[in-house]
């Protein structure tokens, strides 16, 4: 995949993420591909033009992969790690935003989470 192909794929992710209004959410690069971070904590990264790896608690992974296998999956590389792979061509913007928000809440510093939770 060309770099511009990755950039185009990440543009959707960033537009959805940015629309959530989560503080300290930033674009970054991880392992040479576009990624999301909250402050310095890694949330997820574009694996290829159709696959986004995002933070997900280990106990949630089997349920997601069983209930929606057309979207969620993992490869051997991700087994045992709190990240799940998502097929971008199959996930709605609403579901993508939901997963980004959950990952942000899991990885954001407590002080930042409390500031967001305190907003009406």
PDB file of N, CA and C in Angstrom:
ATOM      1  N   UNK A   1       0.848  -1.182   0.000  1.00  0.00           N
ATOM      2  CA  UNK A   1       0.000   0.000   0.000  1.00  0.00           C
ATOM      3  C   UNK A   1       0.886   1.235   0.000  1.00  0.00           C
ATOM      4  N   UNK A   2       0.522   2.163  -0.816  1.00  0.00           N
ATOM      5  CA  UNK A   2       1.297   3.392  -0.882  1.00  0.00           C
ATOM      6  C   UNK A   2       1.052   4.227   0.362  1.00  0.00           C
ATOM      7  N   UNK A   3       1.986   5.128   0.608  1.00  0.00           N
ATOM      8  CA  UNK A   3       1.842   5.997   1.768  1.00  0.00           C
ATOM      9  C   UNK A   3       0.575   6.835   1.663  1.00  0.00           C
ATOM     10  N   UNK A   4       0.261   7.288   0.452  1.00  0.00           N
ATOM     11  CA  UNK A   4      -0.949   8.093   0.284  1.00  0.00           C
ATOM     12  C   UNK A   4      -2.203   7.262   0.556  1.00  0.00           C
ATOM     13  N   UNK A   5      -2.169   5.956   0.263  1.00  0.00           N
ATOM     14  CA  UNK A   5      -3.286   5.079   0.576  1.00  0.00           C
ATOM     15  C   UNK A   5      -3.506   4.965   2.070  1.00  0.00           C
ATOM     16  N   UNK A   6      -2.407   4.880   2.816  1.00  0.00           N
ATOM     17  CA  UNK A   6      -2.512   4.841   4.272  1.00  0.00           C
ATOM     18  C   UNK A   6      -3.041   6.166   4.793  1.00  0.00           C
ATOM     19  N   UNK A   7      -2.554   7.258   4.223  1.00  0.00           N
ATOM     20  CA  UNK A   7      -3.018   8.580   4.660  1.00  0.00           C
ATOM     21  C   UNK A   7      -4.517   8.733   4.432  1.00  0.00           C
ATOM     22  N   UNK A   8      -4.994   8.265   3.294  1.00  0.00           N
ATOM     23  CA  UNK A   8      -6.428   8.365   2.980  1.00  0.00           C
ATOM     24  C   UNK A   8      -7.247   7.511   3.962  1.00  0.00           C
ATOM     25  N   UNK A   9      -6.762   6.311   4.252  1.00  0.00           N
ATOM     26  CA  UNK A   9      -7.457   5.436   5.207  1.00  0.00           C
ATOM     27  C   UNK A   9      -7.473   6.069   6.599  1.00  0.00           C
ATOM     28  N   UNK A  10      -6.365   6.679   6.990  1.00  0.00           N
ATOM     29  CA  UNK A  10      -6.294   7.265   8.329  1.00  0.00           C
ATOM     30  C   UNK A  10      -7.128   8.531   8.426  1.00  0.00           C
ATOM     31  N   UNK A  11      -7.345   9.205   7.310  1.00  0.00           N
ATOM     32  CA  UNK A  11      -8.143  10.427   7.330  1.00  0.00           C
ATOM     33  C   UNK A  11      -9.529  10.156   7.917  1.00  0.00           C
ATOM     34  N   UNK A  12     -10.144   9.057   7.541  1.00  0.00           N
ATOM     35  CA  UNK A  12     -11.454   8.694   8.094  1.00  0.00           C
ATOM     36  C   UNK A  12     -11.357   8.481   9.599  1.00  0.00           C
ATOM     37  N   UNK A  13     -10.353   7.722  10.033  1.00  0.00           N
ATOM     38  CA  UNK A  13     -10.181   7.452  11.462  1.00  0.00           C
ATOM     39  C   UNK A  13     -10.024   8.761  12.224  1.00  0.00           C
ATOM     40  N   UNK A  14      -9.161   9.639  11.717  1.00  0.00           N
ATOM     41  CA  UNK A  14      -8.920  10.907  12.411  1.00  0.00           C
ATOM     42  C   UNK A  14     -10.179  11.774  12.429  1.00  0.00           C
ATOM     43  N   UNK A  15     -10.923  11.812  11.325  1.00  0.00           N
ATOM     44  CA  UNK A  15     -12.147  12.613  11.300  1.00  0.00           C
ATOM     45  C   UNK A  15     -13.153  12.121  12.333  1.00  0.00           C
ATOM     46  N   UNK A  16     -13.303  10.810  12.447  1.00  0.00           N
ATOM     47  CA  UNK A  16     -14.212  10.238  13.451  1.00  0.00           C
ATOM     48  C   UNK A  16     -13.683  10.548  14.857  1.00  0.00           C
ATOM     49  N   UNK A  17     -12.401  10.304  15.088  1.00  0.00           N
ATOM     50  CA  UNK A  17     -11.795  10.523  16.410  1.00  0.00           C
ATOM     51  C   UNK A  17     -11.870  11.990  16.810  1.00  0.00           C
ATOM     52  N   UNK A  18     -11.525  12.861  15.912  1.00  0.00           N
ATOM     53  CA  UNK A  18     -11.511  14.296  16.190  1.00  0.00           C
ATOM     54  C   UNK A  18     -12.909  14.806  16.505  1.00  0.00           C
ATOM     55  N   UNK A  19     -13.919  14.219  15.879  1.00  0.00           N
ATOM     56  CA  UNK A  19     -15.300  14.606  16.119  1.00  0.00           C
ATOM     57  C   UNK A  19     -15.822  14.224  17.498  1.00  0.00           C
ATOM     58  N   UNK A  20     -15.100  13.386  18.203  1.00  0.00           N
ATOM     59  CA  UNK A  20     -15.529  12.959  19.537  1.00  0.00           C
ATOM     60  C   UNK A  20     -15.251  14.013  20.606  1.00  0.00           C
ATOM     61  N   UNK A  21     -14.381  14.967  20.294  1.00  0.00           N
ATOM     62  CA  UNK A  21     -14.071  16.029  21.246  1.00  0.00           C
ATOM     63  C   UNK A  21     -13.295  15.569  22.470  1.00  0.00           C
ATOM     64  N   UNK A  22     -12.513  14.521  22.322  1.00  0.00           N
ATOM     65  CA  UNK A  22     -11.734  14.003  23.449  1.00  0.00           C
ATOM     66  C   UNK A  22     -10.440  14.804  23.598  1.00  0.00           C
ATOM     67  N   UNK A  23     -10.185  15.343  24.786  1.00  0.00           N
ATOM     68  CA  UNK A  23      -8.977  16.154  24.964  1.00  0.00           C
ATOM     69  C   UNK A  23      -7.694  15.330  24.868  1.00  0.00           C
ATOM     70  N   UNK A  24      -6.656  16.004  24.392  1.00  0.00           N
ATOM     71  CA  UNK A  24      -5.309  15.432  24.296  1.00  0.00           C
ATOM     72  C   UNK A  24      -5.213  14.263  23.316  1.00  0.00           C
ATOM     73  N   UNK A  25      -6.214  14.087  22.466  1.00  0.00           N
ATOM     74  CA  UNK A  25      -6.154  13.063  21.432  1.00  0.00           C
ATOM     75  C   UNK A  25      -5.273  13.611  20.325  1.00  0.00           C
ATOM     76  N   UNK A  26      -4.327  12.808  19.869  1.00  0.00           N
ATOM     77  CA  UNK A  26      -3.368  13.295  18.889  1.00  0.00           C
ATOM     78  C   UNK A  26      -3.074  12.261  17.817  1.00  0.00           C
ATOM     79  N   UNK A  27      -2.772  12.779  16.630  1.00  0.00           N
ATOM     80  CA  UNK A  27      -2.265  11.935  15.550  1.00  0.00           C
ATOM     81  C   UNK A  27      -0.788  11.701  15.826  1.00  0.00           C
ATOM     82  N   UNK A  28      -0.319  10.513  15.491  1.00  0.00           N
ATOM     83  CA  UNK A  28       1.073  10.181  15.698  1.00  0.00           C
ATOM     84  C   UNK A  28       1.481   9.151  14.644  1.00  0.00           C
ATOM     85  N   UNK A  29       2.653   8.591  14.810  1.00  0.00           N
ATOM     86  CA  UNK A  29       3.126   7.496  13.967  1.00  0.00           C
ATOM     87  C   UNK A  29       3.662   6.411  14.877  1.00  0.00           C
ATOM     88  N   UNK A  30       3.261   5.182  14.628  1.00  0.00           N
ATOM     89  CA  UNK A  30       3.727   4.034  15.407  1.00  0.00           C
ATOM     90  C   UNK A  30       4.086   2.928  14.425  1.00  0.00           C
ATOM     91  N   UNK A  31       5.268   2.377  14.561  1.00  0.00           N
ATOM     92  CA  UNK A  31       5.760   1.337  13.646  1.00  0.00           C
ATOM     93  C   UNK A  31       5.622   1.763  12.186  1.00  0.00           C
ATOM     94  N   UNK A  32       5.844   3.052  11.929  1.00  0.00           N
ATOM     95  CA  UNK A  32       5.828   3.563  10.571  1.00  0.00           C
ATOM     96  C   UNK A  32       4.461   3.804   9.965  1.00  0.00           C
ATOM     97  N   UNK A  33       3.391   3.653  10.748  1.00  0.00           N
ATOM     98  CA  UNK A  33       2.051   3.897  10.224  1.00  0.00           C
ATOM     99  C   UNK A  33       1.326   4.917  11.107  1.00  0.00           C
ATOM    100  N   UNK A  34       0.318   5.600  10.559  1.00  0.00           N
ATOM    101  CA  UNK A  34      -0.434   6.586  11.339  1.00  0.00           C
ATOM    102  C   UNK A  34      -1.100   5.934  12.553  1.00  0.00           C
ATOM    103  N   UNK A  35      -1.125   6.697  13.656  1.00  0.00           N
ATOM    104  CA  UNK A  35      -1.710   6.154  14.884  1.00  0.00           C
ATOM    105  C   UNK A  35      -2.405   7.249  15.685  1.00  0.00           C
ATOM    106  N   UNK A  36      -3.120   6.818  16.715  1.00  0.00           N
ATOM    107  CA  UNK A  36      -3.774   7.714  17.668  1.00  0.00           C
ATOM    108  C   UNK A  36      -3.144   7.524  19.035  1.00  0.00           C
ATOM    109  N   UNK A  37      -2.988   8.641  19.736  1.00  0.00           N
ATOM    110  CA  UNK A  37      -2.501   8.604  21.107  1.00  0.00           C
ATOM    111  C   UNK A  37      -3.321   9.574  21.938  1.00  0.00           C
ATOM    112  N   UNK A  38      -3.373   9.302  23.245  1.00  0.00           N
ATOM    113  CA  UNK A  38      -3.898  10.270  24.193  1.00  0.00           C
ATOM    114  C   UNK A  38      -2.701  10.653  25.052  1.00  0.00           C
ATOM    115  N   UNK A  39      -2.341  11.925  24.979  1.00  0.00           N
ATOM    116  CA  UNK A  39      -1.066  12.389  25.539  1.00  0.00           C
ATOM    117  C   UNK A  39       0.032  11.546  24.907  1.00  0.00           C
ATOM    118  N   UNK A  40       0.737  10.722  25.687  1.00  0.00           N
ATOM    119  CA  UNK A  40       1.792   9.878  25.100  1.00  0.00           C
ATOM    120  C   UNK A  40       1.386   8.408  25.042  1.00  0.00           C
ATOM    121  N   UNK A  41       0.176   8.084  25.477  1.00  0.00           N
ATOM    122  CA  UNK A  41      -0.283   6.688  25.505  1.00  0.00           C
ATOM    123  C   UNK A  41      -0.880   6.276  24.170  1.00  0.00           C
ATOM    124  N   UNK A  42      -0.411   5.159  23.667  1.00  0.00           N
ATOM    125  CA  UNK A  42      -0.846   4.599  22.393  1.00  0.00           C
ATOM    126  C   UNK A  42      -2.268   4.051  22.512  1.00  0.00           C
ATOM    127  N   UNK A  43      -3.140   4.443  21.582  1.00  0.00           N
ATOM    128  CA  UNK A  43      -4.522   3.950  21.535  1.00  0.00           C
ATOM    129  C   UNK A  43      -4.673   2.915  20.424  1.00  0.00           C
ATOM    130  N   UNK A  44      -4.171   3.250  19.247  1.00  0.00           N
ATOM    131  CA  UNK A  44      -4.308   2.343  18.119  1.00  0.00           C
ATOM    132  C   UNK A  44      -3.532   2.841  16.920  1.00  0.00           C
ATOM    133  N   UNK A  45      -3.358   1.937  15.934  1.00  0.00           N
ATOM    134  CA  UNK A  45      -2.611   2.322  14.737  1.00  0.00           C
ATOM    135  C   UNK A  45      -3.180   1.641  13.504  1.00  0.00           C
ATOM    136  N   UNK A  46      -2.961   2.277  12.393  1.00  0.00           N
ATOM    137  CA  UNK A  46      -3.336   1.714  11.115  1.00  0.00           C
ATOM    138  C   UNK A  46      -2.333   0.612  10.784  1.00  0.00           C
ATOM    139  N   UNK A  47      -2.827  -0.594  10.631  1.00  0.00           N
ATOM    140  CA  UNK A  47      -1.950  -1.722  10.298  1.00  0.00           C
ATOM    141  C   UNK A  47      -1.724  -1.764   8.791  1.00  0.00           C
ATOM    142  N   UNK A  48      -2.800  -1.553   8.054  1.00  0.00           N
ATOM    143  CA  UNK A  48      -2.755  -1.410   6.598  1.00  0.00           C
ATOM    144  C   UNK A  48      -3.982  -0.589   6.212  1.00  0.00           C
ATOM    145  N   UNK A  49      -4.219  -0.390   4.930  1.00  0.00           N
ATOM    146  CA  UNK A  49      -5.283   0.517   4.496  1.00  0.00           C
ATOM    147  C   UNK A  49      -6.685   0.082   4.922  1.00  0.00           C
ATOM    148  N   UNK A  50      -6.885  -1.174   5.294  1.00  0.00           N
ATOM    149  CA  UNK A  50      -8.220  -1.621   5.711  1.00  0.00           C
ATOM    150  C   UNK A  50      -8.248  -2.157   7.139  1.00  0.00           C
ATOM    151  N   UNK A  51      -7.149  -2.059   7.878  1.00  0.00           N
ATOM    152  CA  UNK A  51      -7.106  -2.670   9.207  1.00  0.00           C
ATOM    153  C   UNK A  51      -6.556  -1.689  10.232  1.00  0.00           C
ATOM    154  N   UNK A  52      -7.329  -1.497  11.291  1.00  0.00           N
ATOM    155  CA  UNK A  52      -6.908  -0.634  12.398  1.00  0.00           C
ATOM    156  C   UNK A  52      -6.808  -1.493  13.643  1.00  0.00           C
ATOM    157  N   UNK A  53      -5.667  -1.444  14.312  1.00  0.00           N
ATOM    158  CA  UNK A  53      -5.453  -2.139  15.583  1.00  0.00           C
ATOM    159  C   UNK A  53      -5.747  -1.136  16.691  1.00  0.00           C
ATOM    160  N   UNK A  54      -6.669  -1.486  17.586  1.00  0.00           N
ATOM    161  CA  UNK A  54      -7.068  -0.555  18.639  1.00  0.00           C
ATOM    162  C   UNK A  54      -7.068  -1.238  19.993  1.00  0.00           C
ATOM    163  N   UNK A  55      -6.788  -0.456  21.028  1.00  0.00           N
ATOM    164  CA  UNK A  55      -6.776  -1.007  22.384  1.00  0.00           C
ATOM    165  C   UNK A  55      -8.138  -1.610  22.704  1.00  0.00           C
ATOM    166  N   UNK A  56      -8.115  -2.779  23.328  1.00  0.00           N
ATOM    167  CA  UNK A  56      -9.334  -3.481  23.718  1.00  0.00           C
ATOM    168  C   UNK A  56      -8.973  -4.400  24.879  1.00  0.00           C
ATOM    169  N   UNK A  57      -9.699  -4.328  25.984  1.00  0.00           N
ATOM    170  CA  UNK A  57      -9.399  -5.226  27.101  1.00  0.00           C
ATOM    171  C   UNK A  57      -9.417  -6.685  26.654  1.00  0.00           C
ATOM    172  N   UNK A  58      -8.482  -7.452  27.168  1.00  0.00           N
ATOM    173  CA  UNK A  58      -8.369  -8.860  26.787  1.00  0.00           C
ATOM    174  C   UNK A  58      -9.670  -9.628  26.959  1.00  0.00           C
ATOM    175  N   UNK A  59     -10.427  -9.320  28.014  1.00  0.00           N
ATOM    176  CA  UNK A  59     -11.664 -10.058  28.272  1.00  0.00           C
ATOM    177  C   UNK A  59     -12.764  -9.728  27.250  1.00  0.00           C
ATOM    178  N   UNK A  60     -12.663  -8.611  26.546  1.00  0.00           N
ATOM    179  CA  UNK A  60     -13.668  -8.246  25.547  1.00  0.00           C
ATOM    180  C   UNK A  60     -13.379  -8.846  24.173  1.00  0.00           C
ATOM    181  N   UNK A  61     -12.137  -9.152  23.891  1.00  0.00           N
ATOM    182  CA  UNK A  61     -11.756  -9.596  22.547  1.00  0.00           C
ATOM    183  C   UNK A  61     -12.542 -10.812  22.058  1.00  0.00           C
ATOM    184  N   UNK A  62     -12.635 -11.901  22.844  1.00  0.00           N
ATOM    185  CA  UNK A  62     -13.365 -13.076  22.337  1.00  0.00           C
ATOM    186  C   UNK A  62     -14.826 -12.764  22.004  1.00  0.00           C
ATOM    187  N   UNK A  63     -15.471 -11.973  22.839  1.00  0.00           N
ATOM    188  CA  UNK A  63     -16.872 -11.622  22.613  1.00  0.00           C
ATOM    189  C   UNK A  63     -17.035 -10.845  21.306  1.00  0.00           C
ATOM    190  N   UNK A  64     -16.183  -9.861  21.080  1.00  0.00           N
ATOM    191  CA  UNK A  64     -16.265  -9.074  19.846  1.00  0.00           C
ATOM    192  C   UNK A  64     -16.000  -9.936  18.617  1.00  0.00           C
ATOM    193  N   UNK A  65     -14.982 -10.786  18.693  1.00  0.00           N
ATOM    194  CA  UNK A  65     -14.632 -11.625  17.543  1.00  0.00           C
ATOM    195  C   UNK A  65     -15.713 -12.660  17.254  1.00  0.00           C
ATOM    196  N   UNK A  66     -16.382 -13.159  18.292  1.00  0.00           N
ATOM    197  CA  UNK A  66     -17.478 -14.121  18.106  1.00  0.00           C
ATOM    198  C   UNK A  66     -18.744 -13.458  17.591  1.00  0.00           C
ATOM    199  N   UNK A  67     -19.088 -12.302  18.162  1.00  0.00           N
ATOM    200  CA  UNK A  67     -20.366 -11.677  17.823  1.00  0.00           C
ATOM    201  C   UNK A  67     -20.326 -10.896  16.510  1.00  0.00           C
ATOM    202  N   UNK A  68     -19.182 -10.360  16.134  1.00  0.00           N
ATOM    203  CA  UNK A  68     -19.083  -9.582  14.897  1.00  0.00           C
ATOM    204  C   UNK A  68     -17.777  -9.922  14.161  1.00  0.00           C
ATOM    205  N   UNK A  69     -17.634 -11.175  13.716  1.00  0.00           N
ATOM    206  CA  UNK A  69     -16.369 -11.595  13.096  1.00  0.00           C
ATOM    207  C   UNK A  69     -16.063 -10.890  11.776  1.00  0.00           C
ATOM    208  N   UNK A  70     -17.085 -10.317  11.147  1.00  0.00           N
ATOM    209  CA  UNK A  70     -16.821  -9.598   9.901  1.00  0.00           C
ATOM    210  C   UNK A  70     -16.083  -8.279  10.152  1.00  0.00           C
ATOM    211  N   UNK A  71     -16.112  -7.793  11.392  1.00  0.00           N
ATOM    212  CA  UNK A  71     -15.401  -6.556  11.747  1.00  0.00           C
ATOM    213  C   UNK A  71     -14.156  -6.858  12.580  1.00  0.00           C
ATOM    214  N   UNK A  72     -14.316  -7.636  13.642  1.00  0.00           N
ATOM    215  CA  UNK A  72     -13.244  -7.820  14.624  1.00  0.00           C
ATOM    216  C   UNK A  72     -12.530  -9.152  14.456  1.00  0.00           C
ATOM    217  N   UNK A  73     -11.196  -9.094  14.533  1.00  0.00           N
ATOM    218  CA  UNK A  73     -10.394 -10.308  14.430  1.00  0.00           C
ATOM    219  C   UNK A  73      -9.028 -10.053  15.042  1.00  0.00           C
ATOM    220  N   UNK A  74      -8.216 -11.088  15.099  1.00  0.00           N
ATOM    221  CA  UNK A  74      -6.835 -10.914  15.536  1.00  0.00           C
ATOM    222  C   UNK A  74      -5.946 -11.864  14.747  1.00  0.00           C
ATOM    223  N   UNK A  75      -4.690 -11.532  14.698  1.00  0.00           N
ATOM    224  CA  UNK A  75      -3.687 -12.411  14.110  1.00  0.00           C
ATOM    225  C   UNK A  75      -2.832 -12.929  15.255  1.00  0.00           C
ATOM    226  N   UNK A  76      -1.983 -13.886  14.972  1.00  0.00           N
ATOM    227  CA  UNK A  76      -1.124 -14.444  16.022  1.00  0.00           C
ATOM    228  C   UNK A  76      -0.334 -13.352  16.741  1.00  0.00           C
ATOM    229  N   UNK A  77       0.084 -12.336  16.013  1.00  0.00           N
ATOM    230  CA  UNK A  77       0.874 -11.245  16.598  1.00  0.00           C
ATOM    231  C   UNK A  77       0.137 -10.546  17.744  1.00  0.00           C
ATOM    232  N   UNK A  78      -1.184 -10.484  17.667  1.00  0.00           N
ATOM    233  CA  UNK A  78      -1.973  -9.759  18.667  1.00  0.00           C
ATOM    234  C   UNK A  78      -2.542 -10.648  19.772  1.00  0.00           C
ATOM    235  N   UNK A  79      -2.370 -11.960  19.667  1.00  0.00           N
ATOM    236  CA  UNK A  79      -2.875 -12.853  20.719  1.00  0.00           C
ATOM    237  C   UNK A  79      -2.168 -12.550  22.047  1.00  0.00           C
ATOM    238  N   UNK A  80      -2.975 -12.420  23.096  1.00  0.00           N
ATOM    239  CA  UNK A  80      -2.421 -12.141  24.409  1.00  0.00           C
ATOM    240  C   UNK A  80      -2.142 -10.677  24.683  1.00  0.00           C
ATOM    241  N   UNK A  81      -2.411  -9.808  23.722  1.00  0.00           N
ATOM    242  CA  UNK A  81      -2.211  -8.372  23.890  1.00  0.00           C
ATOM    243  C   UNK A  81      -3.567  -7.672  23.882  1.00  0.00           C
ATOM    244  N   UNK A  82      -3.693  -6.569  24.619  1.00  0.00           N
ATOM    245  CA  UNK A  82      -4.987  -5.875  24.696  1.00  0.00           C
ATOM    246  C   UNK A  82      -5.257  -4.978  23.484  1.00  0.00           C
ATOM    247  N   UNK A  83      -5.166  -5.572  22.297  1.00  0.00           N
ATOM    248  CA  UNK A  83      -5.474  -4.864  21.053  1.00  0.00           C
ATOM    249  C   UNK A  83      -6.249  -5.803  20.159  1.00  0.00           C
ATOM    250  N   UNK A  84      -7.215  -5.239  19.432  1.00  0.00           N
ATOM    251  CA  UNK A  84      -8.012  -6.027  18.501  1.00  0.00           C
ATOM    252  C   UNK A  84      -7.923  -5.361  17.132  1.00  0.00           C
ATOM    253  N   UNK A  85      -8.034  -6.158  16.098  1.00  0.00           N
ATOM    254  CA  UNK A  85      -7.998  -5.638  14.736  1.00  0.00           C
ATOM    255  C   UNK A  85      -9.425  -5.416  14.240  1.00  0.00           C
ATOM    256  N   UNK A  86      -9.612  -4.304  13.509  1.00  0.00           N
ATOM    257  CA  UNK A  86     -10.922  -3.963  12.958  1.00  0.00           C
ATOM    258  C   UNK A  86     -10.800  -3.802  11.448  1.00  0.00           C
ATOM    259  N   UNK A  87     -11.755  -4.348  10.725  1.00  0.00           N
ATOM    260  CA  UNK A  87     -11.811  -4.163   9.269  1.00  0.00           C
ATOM    261  C   UNK A  87     -12.524  -2.841   8.998  1.00  0.00           C
ATOM    262  N   UNK A  88     -11.786  -1.858   8.526  1.00  0.00           N
ATOM    263  CA  UNK A  88     -12.337  -0.524   8.328  1.00  0.00           C
ATOM    264  C   UNK A  88     -13.438  -0.491   7.268  1.00  0.00           C
ATOM    265  N   UNK A  89     -13.362  -1.371   6.302  1.00  0.00           N
ATOM    266  CA  UNK A  89     -14.383  -1.415   5.264  1.00  0.00           C
ATOM    267  C   UNK A  89     -15.714  -1.954   5.749  1.00  0.00           C
ATOM    268  N   UNK A  90     -15.730  -2.539   6.939  1.00  0.00           N
ATOM    269  CA  UNK A  90     -16.950  -3.152   7.474  1.00  0.00           C
ATOM    270  C   UNK A  90     -17.534  -2.399   8.676  1.00  0.00           C
ATOM    271  N   UNK A  91     -16.761  -1.525   9.296  1.00  0.00           N
ATOM    272  CA  UNK A  91     -17.212  -0.871  10.527  1.00  0.00           C
ATOM    273  C   UNK A  91     -17.846   0.485  10.218  1.00  0.00           C
ATOM    274  N   UNK A  92     -18.951   0.776  10.887  1.00  0.00           N
ATOM    275  CA  UNK A  92     -19.607   2.076  10.710  1.00  0.00           C
ATOM    276  C   UNK A  92     -18.818   3.149  11.452  1.00  0.00           C
ATOM    277  N   UNK A  93     -19.022   4.398  11.071  1.00  0.00           N
ATOM    278  CA  UNK A  93     -18.364   5.491  11.784  1.00  0.00           C
ATOM    279  C   UNK A  93     -18.803   5.523  13.252  1.00  0.00           C
ATOM    280  N   UNK A  94     -20.065   5.206  13.511  1.00  0.00           N
ATOM    281  CA  UNK A  94     -20.565   5.211  14.894  1.00  0.00           C
ATOM    282  C   UNK A  94     -19.835   4.164  15.736  1.00  0.00           C
ATOM    283  N   UNK A  95     -19.678   2.959  15.199  1.00  0.00           N
ATOM    284  CA  UNK A  95     -18.980   1.900  15.941  1.00  0.00           C
ATOM    285  C   UNK A  95     -17.493   2.222  16.077  1.00  0.00           C
ATOM    286  N   UNK A  96     -16.904   2.767  15.021  1.00  0.00           N
ATOM    287  CA  UNK A  96     -15.493   3.175  15.080  1.00  0.00           C
ATOM    288  C   UNK A  96     -15.304   4.218  16.169  1.00  0.00           C
ATOM    289  N   UNK A  97     -16.188   5.198  16.218  1.00  0.00           N
ATOM    290  CA  UNK A  97     -16.116   6.225  17.257  1.00  0.00           C
ATOM    291  C   UNK A  97     -16.279   5.644  18.649  1.00  0.00           C
ATOM    292  N   UNK A  98     -17.178   4.690  18.793  1.00  0.00           N
ATOM    293  CA  UNK A  98     -17.397   4.033  20.082  1.00  0.00           C
ATOM    294  C   UNK A  98     -16.119   3.334  20.552  1.00  0.00           C
ATOM    295  N   UNK A  99     -15.463   2.607  19.642  1.00  0.00           N
ATOM    296  CA  UNK A  99     -14.232   1.888  20.003  1.00  0.00           C
ATOM    297  C   UNK A  99     -13.107   2.865  20.340  1.00  0.00           C
ATOM    298  N   UNK A 100     -13.021   3.970  19.598  1.00  0.00           N
ATOM    299  CA  UNK A 100     -11.985   4.976  19.890  1.00  0.00           C
ATOM    300  C   UNK A 100     -12.236   5.588  21.257  1.00  0.00           C
ATOM    301  N   UNK A 101     -13.493   5.895  21.552  1.00  0.00           N
ATOM    302  CA  UNK A 101     -13.835   6.489  22.852  1.00  0.00           C
ATOM    303  C   UNK A 101     -13.497   5.536  23.997  1.00  0.00           C
ATOM    304  N   UNK A 102     -13.824   4.253  23.835  1.00  0.00           N
ATOM    305  CA  UNK A 102     -13.485   3.264  24.868  1.00  0.00           C
ATOM    306  C   UNK A 102     -11.972   3.153  25.056  1.00  0.00           C
ATOM    307  N   UNK A 103     -11.242   3.151  23.953  1.00  0.00           N
ATOM    308  CA  UNK A 103      -9.780   3.059  24.032  1.00  0.00           C
ATOM    309  C   UNK A 103      -9.208   4.310  24.698  1.00  0.00           C
ATOM    310  N   UNK A 104      -9.758   5.471  24.359  1.00  0.00           N
ATOM    311  CA  UNK A 104      -9.302   6.718  24.975  1.00  0.00           C
ATOM    312  C   UNK A 104      -9.499   6.654  26.496  1.00  0.00           C
ATOM    313  N   UNK A 105     -10.688   6.226  26.911  1.00  0.00           N
ATOM    314  CA  UNK A 105     -10.969   6.139  28.354  1.00  0.00           C
ATOM    315  C   UNK A 105     -10.050   5.143  29.054  1.00  0.00           C
ATOM    316  N   UNK A 106      -9.684   4.073  28.373  1.00  0.00           N
ATOM    317  CA  UNK A 106      -8.795   3.074  28.975  1.00  0.00           C
ATOM    318  C   UNK A 106      -7.362   3.573  29.097  1.00  0.00           C
ATOM    319  N   UNK A 107      -6.936   4.423  28.184  1.00  0.00           N
ATOM    320  CA  UNK A 107      -5.530   4.827  28.124  1.00  0.00           C
ATOM    321  C   UNK A 107      -5.251   6.243  28.642  1.00  0.00           C
ATOM    322  N   UNK A 108      -6.275   7.071  28.783  1.00  0.00           N
ATOM    323  CA  UNK A 108      -6.071   8.446  29.244  1.00  0.00           C
ATOM    324  C   UNK A 108      -5.680   8.467  30.720  1.00  0.00           C
ATOM    325  N   UNK A 109      -4.854   9.430  31.108  1.00  0.00           N
ATOM    326  CA  UNK A 109      -4.527   9.577  32.532  1.00  0.00           C
ATOM    327  C   UNK A 109      -5.796   9.863  33.342  1.00  0.00           C
ATOM    328  N   UNK A 110      -5.804   9.418  34.577  1.00  0.00           N
ATOM    329  CA  UNK A 110      -6.988   9.546  35.440  1.00  0.00           C
ATOM    330  C   UNK A 110      -7.475  10.991  35.533  1.00  0.00           C
ATOM    331  N   UNK A 111      -6.571  11.939  35.655  1.00  0.00           N
ATOM    332  CA  UNK A 111      -6.943  13.349  35.785  1.00  0.00           C
ATOM    333  C   UNK A 111      -7.698  13.828  34.539  1.00  0.00           C
ATOM    334  N   UNK A 112      -7.250  13.397  33.379  1.00  0.00           N
ATOM    335  CA  UNK A 112      -7.901  13.771  32.127  1.00  0.00           C
ATOM    336  C   UNK A 112      -9.282  13.123  32.016  1.00  0.00           C
ATOM    337  N   UNK A 113      -9.379  11.833  32.393  1.00  0.00           N
ATOM    338  CA  UNK A 113     -10.681  11.144  32.380  1.00  0.00           C
ATOM    339  C   UNK A 113     -11.666  11.834  33.301  1.00  0.00           C
ATOM    340  N   UNK A 114     -11.223  12.213  34.489  1.00  0.00           N
ATOM    341  CA  UNK A 114     -12.113  12.864  35.453  1.00  0.00           C
ATOM    342  C   UNK A 114     -12.597  14.208  34.934  1.00  0.00           C
ATOM    343  N   UNK A 115     -11.736  14.942  34.242  1.00  0.00           N
ATOM    344  CA  UNK A 115     -12.141  16.230  33.665  1.00  0.00           C
ATOM    345  C   UNK A 115     -13.229  16.035  32.630  1.00  0.00           C
ATOM    346  N   UNK A 116     -13.133  14.994  31.830  1.00  0.00           N
ATOM    347  CA  UNK A 116     -14.146  14.705  30.803  1.00  0.00           C
ATOM    348  C   UNK A 116     -15.438  14.252  31.466  1.00  0.00           C
ATOM    349  N   UNK A 117     -15.342  13.389  32.465  1.00  0.00           N
ATOM    350  CA  UNK A 117     -16.532  12.886  33.153  1.00  0.00           C
ATOM    351  C   UNK A 117     -17.252  13.983  33.919  1.00  0.00           C
ATOM    352  N   UNK A 118     -16.530  15.017  34.321  1.00  0.00           N
ATOM    353  CA  UNK A 118     -17.135  16.112  35.093  1.00  0.00           C
ATOM    354  C   UNK A 118     -17.922  17.072  34.198  1.00  0.00           C
ATOM    355  N   UNK A 119     -17.673  17.036  32.888  1.00  0.00           N
ATOM    356  CA  UNK A 119     -18.402  17.926  31.975  1.00  0.00           C
ATOM    357  C   UNK A 119     -19.861  17.477  31.890  1.00  0.00           C
ATOM    358  N   UNK A 120     -20.795  18.465  31.833  1.00  0.00           N
ATOM    359  CA  UNK A 120     -22.220  18.105  31.748  1.00  0.00           C
ATOM    360  C   UNK A 120     -22.579  17.446  30.437  1.00  0.00           C
TER     361      UNK A 120
END
